[in-house]
Amino acid sequence: MVRALPQTLGNQLSILLQVYRYVAFFGNRYADATAVVGGTCLVQPTSW
């Protein structure tokens, strides 16, 4: 986001420009979304 603030430096005939961004991080939001797959179903089949 970019915005101009002419009121803050009006006595100097200047404009203050401000650039900013919003960022959010949720590190533990999907804690159960990962799993370990294992068992006998993962054994490579043998040829007949």
C-alpha atoms as a PDB file:
ATOM      1  CA  MET A   1       0.000   0.000   0.000  1.00  0.00           C
ATOM      2  CA  VAL A   2       1.205   3.482  -0.787  1.00  0.00           C
ATOM      3  CA  ARG A   3      -0.247   6.656   0.650  1.00  0.00           C
ATOM      4  CA  ALA A   4       0.700  10.344   0.691  1.00  0.00           C
ATOM      5  CA  LEU A   5       0.419  12.440   3.855  1.00  0.00           C
ATOM      6  CA  PRO A   6       0.610  16.119   2.824  1.00  0.00           C
ATOM      7  CA  GLN A   7      -0.619  17.428   6.208  1.00  0.00           C
ATOM      8  CA  THR A   8       2.451  16.387   8.208  1.00  0.00           C
ATOM      9  CA  LEU A   9       4.948  18.529   6.264  1.00  0.00           C
ATOM     10  CA  GLY A  10       2.568  21.227   4.967  1.00  0.00           C
ATOM     11  CA  ASN A  11       4.638  24.116   6.350  1.00  0.00           C
ATOM     12  CA  GLN A  12       7.642  22.974   4.237  1.00  0.00           C
ATOM     13  CA  LEU A  13       5.566  22.361   1.060  1.00  0.00           C
ATOM     14  CA  SER A  14       6.542  18.669   1.240  1.00  0.00           C
ATOM     15  CA  ILE A  15       4.616  15.412   1.156  1.00  0.00           C
ATOM     16  CA  LEU A  16       5.398  12.376   3.285  1.00  0.00           C
ATOM     17  CA  LEU A  17       5.114   9.137   1.289  1.00  0.00           C
ATOM     18  CA  GLN A  18       4.437   5.959   3.219  1.00  0.00           C
ATOM     19  CA  VAL A  19       4.761   2.416   1.853  1.00  0.00           C
ATOM     20  CA  TYR A  20       3.615  -0.542   3.942  1.00  0.00           C
ATOM     21  CA  ARG A  21       2.360  -4.122   3.737  1.00  0.00           C
ATOM     22  CA  TYR A  22       0.421  -6.402   6.066  1.00  0.00           C
ATOM     23  CA  VAL A  23       1.899  -9.857   6.734  1.00  0.00           C
ATOM     24  CA  ALA A  24       0.543 -12.689   8.861  1.00  0.00           C
ATOM     25  CA  PHE A  25       1.985 -16.096   9.741  1.00  0.00           C
ATOM     26  CA  PHE A  26       0.164 -18.973  11.439  1.00  0.00           C
ATOM     27  CA  GLY A  27       2.796 -21.584  12.178  1.00  0.00           C
ATOM     28  CA  ASN A  28       0.639 -24.111  14.006  1.00  0.00           C
ATOM     29  CA  ARG A  29      -2.608 -23.755  12.066  1.00  0.00           C
ATOM     30  CA  TYR A  30      -2.608 -27.196  10.412  1.00  0.00           C
ATOM     31  CA  ALA A  31      -0.524 -29.165  12.884  1.00  0.00           C
ATOM     32  CA  ASP A  32      -2.374 -32.435  12.144  1.00  0.00           C
ATOM     33  CA  ALA A  33      -2.159 -32.053   8.356  1.00  0.00           C
ATOM     34  CA  THR A  34       0.990 -34.196   8.067  1.00  0.00           C
ATOM     35  CA  ALA A  35       1.146 -37.944   8.571  1.00  0.00           C
ATOM     36  CA  VAL A  36       3.558 -40.835   8.190  1.00  0.00           C
ATOM     37  CA  VAL A  37       2.445 -43.463   5.695  1.00  0.00           C
ATOM     38  CA  GLY A  38       3.587 -46.986   6.451  1.00  0.00           C
ATOM     39  CA  GLY A  39       2.556 -50.591   6.676  1.00  0.00           C
ATOM     40  CA  THR A  40       2.524 -53.644   4.426  1.00  0.00           C
ATOM     41  CA  CYS A  41       0.653 -51.879   1.621  1.00  0.00           C
ATOM     42  CA  LEU A  42       3.845 -50.081   0.596  1.00  0.00           C
ATOM     43  CA  VAL A  43       5.782 -53.274  -0.182  1.00  0.00           C
ATOM     44  CA  GLN A  44       6.698 -53.569  -3.844  1.00  0.00           C
ATOM     45  CA  PRO A  45       4.692 -56.411  -5.424  1.00  0.00           C
ATOM     46  CA  THR A  46       6.620 -59.425  -6.651  1.00  0.00           C
ATOM     47  CA  SER A  47       6.141 -60.746 -10.145  1.00  0.00           C
ATOM     48  CA  TRP A  48       4.131 -63.982 -10.547  1.00  0.00           C
END
